[in-house]
Amino acid sequence: MTRDELYTLRSGETVLGGKKVGNRKFIIQADVCYSKKEELILNAHSAEDCEDKLNKLMESKAKQQGAKLDTIFVDFCMSVDEFEGELGNG
């Protein structure tokens, strides 16, 4: 193989023996959604207040990551006392 058989195009692609070889640059755009289950203890006056605080907290976390908050599904929301009472009665 001679040096003339190996060259690089302006696009950055490498040609060897008349064939493009190696990696090429691609641009890709995608909407990525993650699902993460978290159990948090938040100080709040009511279950509704607790869910509001959760939304604000998650919006802040998403913003820090350069993302936007989508949907939050709440499995349950109750006081720690109620939760511990259910564990003791179960």
PDB file of N, CA and C in Angstrom:
ATOM      1  N   MET A   1       0.862  -1.168   0.000  1.00  0.00           N
ATOM      2  CA  MET A   1       0.000   0.000   0.000  1.00  0.00           C
ATOM      3  C   MET A   1       0.908   1.231   0.000  1.00  0.00           C
ATOM      4  N   THR A   2       0.591   2.141  -0.872  1.00  0.00           N
ATOM      5  CA  THR A   2       1.364   3.384  -0.926  1.00  0.00           C
ATOM      6  C   THR A   2       0.635   4.463  -0.152  1.00  0.00           C
ATOM      7  N   ARG A   3       1.361   5.495   0.162  1.00  0.00           N
ATOM      8  CA  ARG A   3       0.800   6.611   0.913  1.00  0.00           C
ATOM      9  C   ARG A   3      -0.309   7.295   0.131  1.00  0.00           C
ATOM     10  N   ASP A   4      -0.283   7.230  -1.175  1.00  0.00           N
ATOM     11  CA  ASP A   4      -1.307   7.849  -2.009  1.00  0.00           C
ATOM     12  C   ASP A   4      -2.670   7.180  -1.843  1.00  0.00           C
ATOM     13  N   GLU A   5      -2.679   5.924  -1.387  1.00  0.00           N
ATOM     14  CA  GLU A   5      -3.946   5.210  -1.221  1.00  0.00           C
ATOM     15  C   GLU A   5      -4.686   5.636   0.046  1.00  0.00           C
ATOM     16  N   LEU A   6      -3.994   6.296   0.968  1.00  0.00           N
ATOM     17  CA  LEU A   6      -4.580   6.719   2.236  1.00  0.00           C
ATOM     18  C   LEU A   6      -4.602   8.244   2.296  1.00  0.00           C
ATOM     19  N   TYR A   7      -5.814   8.815   2.412  1.00  0.00           N
ATOM     20  CA  TYR A   7      -5.938  10.271   2.512  1.00  0.00           C
ATOM     21  C   TYR A   7      -7.212  10.632   3.252  1.00  0.00           C
ATOM     22  N   THR A   8      -7.284  11.889   3.657  1.00  0.00           N
ATOM     23  CA  THR A   8      -8.429  12.386   4.425  1.00  0.00           C
ATOM     24  C   THR A   8      -9.164  13.451   3.622  1.00  0.00           C
ATOM     25  N   LEU A   9     -10.476  13.338   3.572  1.00  0.00           N
ATOM     26  CA  LEU A   9     -11.316  14.315   2.882  1.00  0.00           C
ATOM     27  C   LEU A   9     -11.551  15.528   3.771  1.00  0.00           C
ATOM     28  N   ARG A  10     -12.046  16.602   3.182  1.00  0.00           N
ATOM     29  CA  ARG A  10     -12.368  17.812   3.965  1.00  0.00           C
ATOM     30  C   ARG A  10     -13.413  17.532   5.039  1.00  0.00           C
ATOM     31  N   SER A  11     -14.267  16.591   4.787  1.00  0.00           N
ATOM     32  CA  SER A  11     -15.315  16.248   5.752  1.00  0.00           C
ATOM     33  C   SER A  11     -14.747  15.533   6.979  1.00  0.00           C
ATOM     34  N   GLY A  12     -13.459  15.169   6.928  1.00  0.00           N
ATOM     35  CA  GLY A  12     -12.845  14.459   8.050  1.00  0.00           C
ATOM     36  C   GLY A  12     -12.835  12.959   7.863  1.00  0.00           C
ATOM     37  N   GLU A  13     -13.450  12.473   6.796  1.00  0.00           N
ATOM     38  CA  GLU A  13     -13.489  11.042   6.543  1.00  0.00           C
ATOM     39  C   GLU A  13     -12.156  10.582   5.952  1.00  0.00           C
ATOM     40  N   THR A  14     -11.726   9.398   6.352  1.00  0.00           N
ATOM     41  CA  THR A  14     -10.484   8.826   5.851  1.00  0.00           C
ATOM     42  C   THR A  14     -10.806   7.838   4.740  1.00  0.00           C
ATOM     43  N   VAL A  15     -10.045   7.908   3.666  1.00  0.00           N
ATOM     44  CA  VAL A  15     -10.234   7.013   2.521  1.00  0.00           C
ATOM     45  C   VAL A  15      -8.993   6.150   2.392  1.00  0.00           C
ATOM     46  N   LEU A  16      -9.203   4.850   2.293  1.00  0.00           N
ATOM     47  CA  LEU A  16      -8.120   3.888   2.129  1.00  0.00           C
ATOM     48  C   LEU A  16      -8.439   3.020   0.930  1.00  0.00           C
ATOM     49  N   GLY A  17      -7.610   3.085  -0.078  1.00  0.00           N
ATOM     50  CA  GLY A  17      -7.833   2.280  -1.287  1.00  0.00           C
ATOM     51  C   GLY A  17      -9.154   2.590  -1.962  1.00  0.00           C
ATOM     52  N   GLY A  18      -9.613   3.837  -1.899  1.00  0.00           N
ATOM     53  CA  GLY A  18     -10.860   4.235  -2.548  1.00  0.00           C
ATOM     54  C   GLY A  18     -12.109   3.988  -1.720  1.00  0.00           C
ATOM     55  N   LYS A  19     -11.976   3.430  -0.510  1.00  0.00           N
ATOM     56  CA  LYS A  19     -13.138   3.153   0.357  1.00  0.00           C
ATOM     57  C   LYS A  19     -13.040   3.982   1.631  1.00  0.00           C
ATOM     58  N   LYS A  20     -14.172   4.506   2.068  1.00  0.00           N
ATOM     59  CA  LYS A  20     -14.208   5.259   3.325  1.00  0.00           C
ATOM     60  C   LYS A  20     -14.051   4.291   4.489  1.00  0.00           C
ATOM     61  N   VAL A  21     -13.152   4.634   5.400  1.00  0.00           N
ATOM     62  CA  VAL A  21     -12.911   3.776   6.560  1.00  0.00           C
ATOM     63  C   VAL A  21     -12.951   4.623   7.827  1.00  0.00           C
ATOM     64  N   GLY A  22     -13.043   3.980   8.954  1.00  0.00           N
ATOM     65  CA  GLY A  22     -13.016   4.683  10.232  1.00  0.00           C
ATOM     66  C   GLY A  22     -14.364   5.270  10.604  1.00  0.00           C
ATOM     67  N   ASN A  23     -14.355   5.997  11.702  1.00  0.00           N
ATOM     68  CA  ASN A  23     -15.579   6.615  12.214  1.00  0.00           C
ATOM     69  C   ASN A  23     -15.872   7.910  11.482  1.00  0.00           C
ATOM     70  N   ARG A  24     -17.163   8.205  11.370  1.00  0.00           N
ATOM     71  CA  ARG A  24     -17.608   9.470  10.807  1.00  0.00           C
ATOM     72  C   ARG A  24     -18.397  10.198  11.858  1.00  0.00           C
ATOM     73  N   LYS A  25     -18.540  11.492  11.691  1.00  0.00           N
ATOM     74  CA  LYS A  25     -19.300  12.289  12.647  1.00  0.00           C
ATOM     75  C   LYS A  25     -20.779  12.244  12.288  1.00  0.00           C
ATOM     76  N   PHE A  26     -21.594  12.032  13.309  1.00  0.00           N
ATOM     77  CA  PHE A  26     -23.045  12.029  13.155  1.00  0.00           C
ATOM     78  C   PHE A  26     -23.631  13.034  14.123  1.00  0.00           C
ATOM     79  N   ILE A  27     -24.718  13.644  13.749  1.00  0.00           N
ATOM     80  CA  ILE A  27     -25.462  14.492  14.679  1.00  0.00           C
ATOM     81  C   ILE A  27     -26.771  13.774  14.986  1.00  0.00           C
ATOM     82  N   ILE A  28     -27.133  13.786  16.241  1.00  0.00           N
ATOM     83  CA  ILE A  28     -28.352  13.080  16.654  1.00  0.00           C
ATOM     84  C   ILE A  28     -29.087  13.935  17.670  1.00  0.00           C
ATOM     85  N   GLN A  29     -30.392  13.976  17.553  1.00  0.00           N
ATOM     86  CA  GLN A  29     -31.238  14.669  18.520  1.00  0.00           C
ATOM     87  C   GLN A  29     -32.245  13.668  19.029  1.00  0.00           C
ATOM     88  N   ALA A  30     -32.444  13.640  20.348  1.00  0.00           N
ATOM     89  CA  ALA A  30     -33.368  12.673  20.935  1.00  0.00           C
ATOM     90  C   ALA A  30     -34.014  13.257  22.183  1.00  0.00           C
ATOM     91  N   ASP A  31     -35.237  12.845  22.446  1.00  0.00           N
ATOM     92  CA  ASP A  31     -35.893  13.139  23.715  1.00  0.00           C
ATOM     93  C   ASP A  31     -35.638  11.936  24.608  1.00  0.00           C
ATOM     94  N   VAL A  32     -35.013  12.161  25.736  1.00  0.00           N
ATOM     95  CA  VAL A  32     -34.653  11.082  26.640  1.00  0.00           C
ATOM     96  C   VAL A  32     -35.444  11.241  27.928  1.00  0.00           C
ATOM     97  N   CYS A  33     -36.105  10.184  28.336  1.00  0.00           N
ATOM     98  CA  CYS A  33     -36.883  10.198  29.571  1.00  0.00           C
ATOM     99  C   CYS A  33     -36.323   9.127  30.504  1.00  0.00           C
ATOM    100  N   TYR A  34     -36.125   9.505  31.749  1.00  0.00           N
ATOM    101  CA  TYR A  34     -35.649   8.578  32.752  1.00  0.00           C
ATOM    102  C   TYR A  34     -36.749   8.360  33.775  1.00  0.00           C
ATOM    103  N   SER A  35     -36.773   7.177  34.326  1.00  0.00           N
ATOM    104  CA  SER A  35     -37.708   6.875  35.396  1.00  0.00           C
ATOM    105  C   SER A  35     -36.888   6.486  36.617  1.00  0.00           C
ATOM    106  N   LYS A  36     -37.107   7.185  37.705  1.00  0.00           N
ATOM    107  CA  LYS A  36     -36.356   6.923  38.918  1.00  0.00           C
ATOM    108  C   LYS A  36     -37.314   6.978  40.090  1.00  0.00           C
ATOM    109  N   LYS A  37     -37.289   5.959  40.905  1.00  0.00           N
ATOM    110  CA  LYS A  37     -38.154   5.917  42.081  1.00  0.00           C
ATOM    111  C   LYS A  37     -37.356   6.428  43.277  1.00  0.00           C
ATOM    112  N   GLU A  38     -37.894   7.431  43.953  1.00  0.00           N
ATOM    113  CA  GLU A  38     -37.248   7.997  45.130  1.00  0.00           C
ATOM    114  C   GLU A  38     -38.221   8.002  46.290  1.00  0.00           C
ATOM    115  N   GLU A  39     -37.710   7.737  47.467  1.00  0.00           N
ATOM    116  CA  GLU A  39     -38.506   7.857  48.685  1.00  0.00           C
ATOM    117  C   GLU A  39     -37.857   8.952  49.520  1.00  0.00           C
ATOM    118  N   LEU A  40     -38.570  10.034  49.722  1.00  0.00           N
ATOM    119  CA  LEU A  40     -38.044  11.199  50.409  1.00  0.00           C
ATOM    120  C   LEU A  40     -38.864  11.505  51.653  1.00  0.00           C
ATOM    121  N   ILE A  41     -38.244  12.167  52.596  1.00  0.00           N
ATOM    122  CA  ILE A  41     -38.968  12.710  53.748  1.00  0.00           C
ATOM    123  C   ILE A  41     -38.887  14.222  53.621  1.00  0.00           C
ATOM    124  N   LEU A  42     -40.039  14.873  53.441  1.00  0.00           N
ATOM    125  CA  LEU A  42     -40.123  16.321  53.294  1.00  0.00           C
ATOM    126  C   LEU A  42     -40.949  16.897  54.436  1.00  0.00           C
ATOM    127  N   ASN A  43     -40.577  18.046  54.918  1.00  0.00           N
ATOM    128  CA  ASN A  43     -41.371  18.743  55.935  1.00  0.00           C
ATOM    129  C   ASN A  43     -42.498  19.489  55.228  1.00  0.00           C
ATOM    130  N   ALA A  44     -43.738  19.192  55.626  1.00  0.00           N
ATOM    131  CA  ALA A  44     -44.900  19.822  54.982  1.00  0.00           C
ATOM    132  C   ALA A  44     -46.067  19.866  55.960  1.00  0.00           C
ATOM    133  N   HIS A  45     -47.066  20.705  55.627  1.00  0.00           N
ATOM    134  CA  HIS A  45     -48.261  20.838  56.472  1.00  0.00           C
ATOM    135  C   HIS A  45     -49.304  19.779  56.156  1.00  0.00           C
ATOM    136  N   SER A  46     -49.337  19.309  54.907  1.00  0.00           N
ATOM    137  CA  SER A  46     -50.349  18.339  54.481  1.00  0.00           C
ATOM    138  C   SER A  46     -49.771  17.515  53.331  1.00  0.00           C
ATOM    139  N   ALA A  47     -50.513  16.505  52.933  1.00  0.00           N
ATOM    140  CA  ALA A  47     -50.084  15.675  51.807  1.00  0.00           C
ATOM    141  C   ALA A  47     -50.004  16.507  50.527  1.00  0.00           C
ATOM    142  N   GLU A  48     -50.965  17.425  50.343  1.00  0.00           N
ATOM    143  CA  GLU A  48     -50.964  18.280  49.147  1.00  0.00           C
ATOM    144  C   GLU A  48     -49.733  19.195  49.141  1.00  0.00           C
ATOM    145  N   ASP A  49     -49.417  19.752  50.318  1.00  0.00           N
ATOM    146  CA  ASP A  49     -48.239  20.610  50.455  1.00  0.00           C
ATOM    147  C   ASP A  49     -46.967  19.805  50.168  1.00  0.00           C
ATOM    148  N   CYS A  50     -46.933  18.586  50.634  1.00  0.00           N
ATOM    149  CA  CYS A  50     -45.786  17.710  50.405  1.00  0.00           C
ATOM    150  C   CYS A  50     -45.600  17.449  48.903  1.00  0.00           C
ATOM    151  N   GLU A  51     -46.683  17.194  48.181  1.00  0.00           N
ATOM    152  CA  GLU A  51     -46.601  16.963  46.737  1.00  0.00           C
ATOM    153  C   GLU A  51     -46.158  18.226  46.011  1.00  0.00           C
ATOM    154  N   ASP A  52     -46.621  19.401  46.460  1.00  0.00           N
ATOM    155  CA  ASP A  52     -46.170  20.663  45.868  1.00  0.00           C
ATOM    156  C   ASP A  52     -44.665  20.849  46.058  1.00  0.00           C
ATOM    157  N   LYS A  53     -44.194  20.542  47.270  1.00  0.00           N
ATOM    158  CA  LYS A  53     -42.763  20.665  47.542  1.00  0.00           C
ATOM    159  C   LYS A  53     -41.951  19.673  46.713  1.00  0.00           C
ATOM    160  N   LEU A  54     -42.496  18.485  46.518  1.00  0.00           N
ATOM    161  CA  LEU A  54     -41.831  17.489  45.664  1.00  0.00           C
ATOM    162  C   LEU A  54     -41.702  18.013  44.240  1.00  0.00           C
ATOM    163  N   ASN A  55     -42.784  18.588  43.713  1.00  0.00           N
ATOM    164  CA  ASN A  55     -42.739  19.140  42.351  1.00  0.00           C
ATOM    165  C   ASN A  55     -41.672  20.221  42.233  1.00  0.00           C
ATOM    166  N   LYS A  56     -41.604  21.124  43.200  1.00  0.00           N
ATOM    167  CA  LYS A  56     -40.600  22.198  43.164  1.00  0.00           C
ATOM    168  C   LYS A  56     -39.190  21.634  43.248  1.00  0.00           C
ATOM    169  N   LEU A  57     -38.999  20.633  44.100  1.00  0.00           N
ATOM    170  CA  LEU A  57     -37.690  20.009  44.251  1.00  0.00           C
ATOM    171  C   LEU A  57     -37.253  19.328  42.953  1.00  0.00           C
ATOM    172  N   MET A  58     -38.164  18.579  42.340  1.00  0.00           N
ATOM    173  CA  MET A  58     -37.835  17.864  41.109  1.00  0.00           C
ATOM    174  C   MET A  58     -37.623  18.830  39.938  1.00  0.00           C
ATOM    175  N   GLU A  59     -38.390  19.940  39.900  1.00  0.00           N
ATOM    176  CA  GLU A  59     -38.167  20.958  38.871  1.00  0.00           C
ATOM    177  C   GLU A  59     -36.771  21.547  39.006  1.00  0.00           C
ATOM    178  N   SER A  60     -36.347  21.780  40.231  1.00  0.00           N
ATOM    179  CA  SER A  60     -35.014  22.317  40.487  1.00  0.00           C
ATOM    180  C   SER A  60     -33.929  21.332  40.043  1.00  0.00           C
ATOM    181  N   LYS A  61     -34.119  20.053  40.372  1.00  0.00           N
ATOM    182  CA  LYS A  61     -33.151  19.029  39.961  1.00  0.00           C
ATOM    183  C   LYS A  61     -33.067  18.925  38.442  1.00  0.00           C
ATOM    184  N   ALA A  62     -34.217  18.955  37.779  1.00  0.00           N
ATOM    185  CA  ALA A  62     -34.243  18.873  36.318  1.00  0.00           C
ATOM    186  C   ALA A  62     -33.531  20.072  35.706  1.00  0.00           C
ATOM    187  N   LYS A  63     -33.783  21.255  36.245  1.00  0.00           N
ATOM    188  CA  LYS A  63     -33.155  22.473  35.737  1.00  0.00           C
ATOM    189  C   LYS A  63     -31.637  22.402  35.877  1.00  0.00           C
ATOM    190  N   GLN A  64     -31.151  21.859  36.999  1.00  0.00           N
ATOM    191  CA  GLN A  64     -29.712  21.701  37.208  1.00  0.00           C
ATOM    192  C   GLN A  64     -29.093  20.798  36.144  1.00  0.00           C
ATOM    193  N   GLN A  65     -29.881  19.843  35.659  1.00  0.00           N
ATOM    194  CA  GLN A  65     -29.390  18.910  34.641  1.00  0.00           C
ATOM    195  C   GLN A  65     -29.632  19.428  33.223  1.00  0.00           C
ATOM    196  N   GLY A  66     -30.207  20.627  33.107  1.00  0.00           N
ATOM    197  CA  GLY A  66     -30.508  21.179  31.787  1.00  0.00           C
ATOM    198  C   GLY A  66     -31.691  20.496  31.134  1.00  0.00           C
ATOM    199  N   ALA A  67     -32.579  19.962  31.943  1.00  0.00           N
ATOM    200  CA  ALA A  67     -33.749  19.239  31.442  1.00  0.00           C
ATOM    201  C   ALA A  67     -35.014  19.942  31.910  1.00  0.00           C
ATOM    202  N   LYS A  68     -36.142  19.423  31.467  1.00  0.00           N
ATOM    203  CA  LYS A  68     -37.414  19.932  31.968  1.00  0.00           C
ATOM    204  C   LYS A  68     -38.163  18.776  32.617  1.00  0.00           C
ATOM    205  N   LEU A  69     -38.911  19.117  33.625  1.00  0.00           N
ATOM    206  CA  LEU A  69     -39.653  18.106  34.375  1.00  0.00           C
ATOM    207  C   LEU A  69     -40.854  17.654  33.565  1.00  0.00           C
ATOM    208  N   ASP A  70     -41.046  16.354  33.488  1.00  0.00           N
ATOM    209  CA  ASP A  70     -42.194  15.797  32.771  1.00  0.00           C
ATOM    210  C   ASP A  70     -43.249  15.426  33.809  1.00  0.00           C
ATOM    211  N   THR A  71     -43.643  14.209  33.883  1.00  0.00           N
ATOM    212  CA  THR A  71     -44.715  13.764  34.774  1.00  0.00           C
ATOM    213  C   THR A  71     -44.137  13.095  36.015  1.00  0.00           C
ATOM    214  N   ILE A  72     -44.730  13.382  37.153  1.00  0.00           N
ATOM    215  CA  ILE A  72     -44.366  12.703  38.397  1.00  0.00           C
ATOM    216  C   ILE A  72     -45.557  11.852  38.824  1.00  0.00           C
ATOM    217  N   PHE A  73     -45.305  10.588  39.075  1.00  0.00           N
ATOM    218  CA  PHE A  73     -46.340   9.698  39.599  1.00  0.00           C
ATOM    219  C   PHE A  73     -46.041   9.451  41.072  1.00  0.00           C
ATOM    220  N   VAL A  74     -46.980   9.792  41.943  1.00  0.00           N
ATOM    221  CA  VAL A  74     -46.809   9.614  43.385  1.00  0.00           C
ATOM    222  C   VAL A  74     -47.503   8.320  43.784  1.00  0.00           C
ATOM    223  N   ASP A  75     -46.725   7.374  44.318  1.00  0.00           N
ATOM    224  CA  ASP A  75     -47.297   6.098  44.769  1.00  0.00           C
ATOM    225  C   ASP A  75     -48.091   6.274  46.059  1.00  0.00           C
ATOM    226  N   PHE A  76     -47.531   7.016  46.999  1.00  0.00           N
ATOM    227  CA  PHE A  76     -48.237   7.321  48.239  1.00  0.00           C
ATOM    228  C   PHE A  76     -47.627   8.551  48.864  1.00  0.00           C
ATOM    229  N   CYS A  77     -48.388   9.199  49.710  1.00  0.00           N
ATOM    230  CA  CYS A  77     -47.917  10.367  50.448  1.00  0.00           C
ATOM    231  C   CYS A  77     -48.669  10.382  51.771  1.00  0.00           C
ATOM    232  N   MET A  78     -47.930  10.197  52.866  1.00  0.00           N
ATOM    233  CA  MET A  78     -48.538  10.197  54.193  1.00  0.00           C
ATOM    234  C   MET A  78     -47.504  10.637  55.204  1.00  0.00           C
ATOM    235  N   SER A  79     -47.958  10.990  56.379  1.00  0.00           N
ATOM    236  CA  SER A  79     -47.021  11.406  57.429  1.00  0.00           C
ATOM    237  C   SER A  79     -46.177  10.204  57.848  1.00  0.00           C
ATOM    238  N   VAL A  80     -45.003  10.496  58.394  1.00  0.00           N
ATOM    239  CA  VAL A  80     -44.121   9.430  58.861  1.00  0.00           C
ATOM    240  C   VAL A  80     -44.816   8.618  59.948  1.00  0.00           C
ATOM    241  N   ASP A  81     -45.587   9.297  60.824  1.00  0.00           N
ATOM    242  CA  ASP A  81     -46.317   8.592  61.882  1.00  0.00           C
ATOM    243  C   ASP A  81     -47.315   7.596  61.306  1.00  0.00           C
ATOM    244  N   GLU A  82     -48.070   8.019  60.283  1.00  0.00           N
ATOM    245  CA  GLU A  82     -49.025   7.107  59.635  1.00  0.00           C
ATOM    246  C   GLU A  82     -48.299   5.935  58.992  1.00  0.00           C
ATOM    247  N   PHE A  83     -47.182   6.229  58.325  1.00  0.00           N
ATOM    248  CA  PHE A  83     -46.416   5.185  57.646  1.00  0.00           C
ATOM    249  C   PHE A  83     -45.887   4.159  58.636  1.00  0.00           C
ATOM    250  N   GLU A  84     -45.312   4.641  59.744  1.00  0.00           N
ATOM    251  CA  GLU A  84     -44.788   3.730  60.754  1.00  0.00           C
ATOM    252  C   GLU A  84     -45.902   2.957  61.424  1.00  0.00           C
ATOM    253  N   GLY A  85     -47.095   3.561  61.586  1.00  0.00           N
ATOM    254  CA  GLY A  85     -48.250   2.861  62.160  1.00  0.00           C
ATOM    255  C   GLY A  85     -48.706   1.727  61.259  1.00  0.00           C
ATOM    256  N   GLU A  86     -48.673   1.962  59.921  1.00  0.00           N
ATOM    257  CA  GLU A  86     -49.065   0.910  58.997  1.00  0.00           C
ATOM    258  C   GLU A  86     -48.068  -0.236  59.011  1.00  0.00           C
ATOM    259  N   LEU A  87     -46.803   0.068  59.197  1.00  0.00           N
ATOM    260  CA  LEU A  87     -45.799  -0.982  59.262  1.00  0.00           C
ATOM    261  C   LEU A  87     -45.987  -1.832  60.522  1.00  0.00           C
ATOM    262  N   GLY A  88     -46.351  -1.169  61.637  1.00  0.00           N
ATOM    263  CA  GLY A  88     -46.552  -1.889  62.905  1.00  0.00           C
ATOM    264  C   GLY A  88     -47.801  -2.745  62.883  1.00  0.00           C
ATOM    265  N   ASN A  89     -48.842  -2.328  62.131  1.00  0.00           N
ATOM    266  CA  ASN A  89     -50.103  -3.073  62.076  1.00  0.00           C
ATOM    267  C   ASN A  89     -50.086  -4.150  61.005  1.00  0.00           C
ATOM    268  N   GLY A  90     -49.091  -4.100  60.087  1.00  0.00           N
ATOM    269  CA  GLY A  90     -49.061  -5.027  58.956  1.00  0.00           C
ATOM    270  C   GLY A  90     -48.498  -6.295  59.351  1.00  0.00           C
TER     271      GLY A  90
END
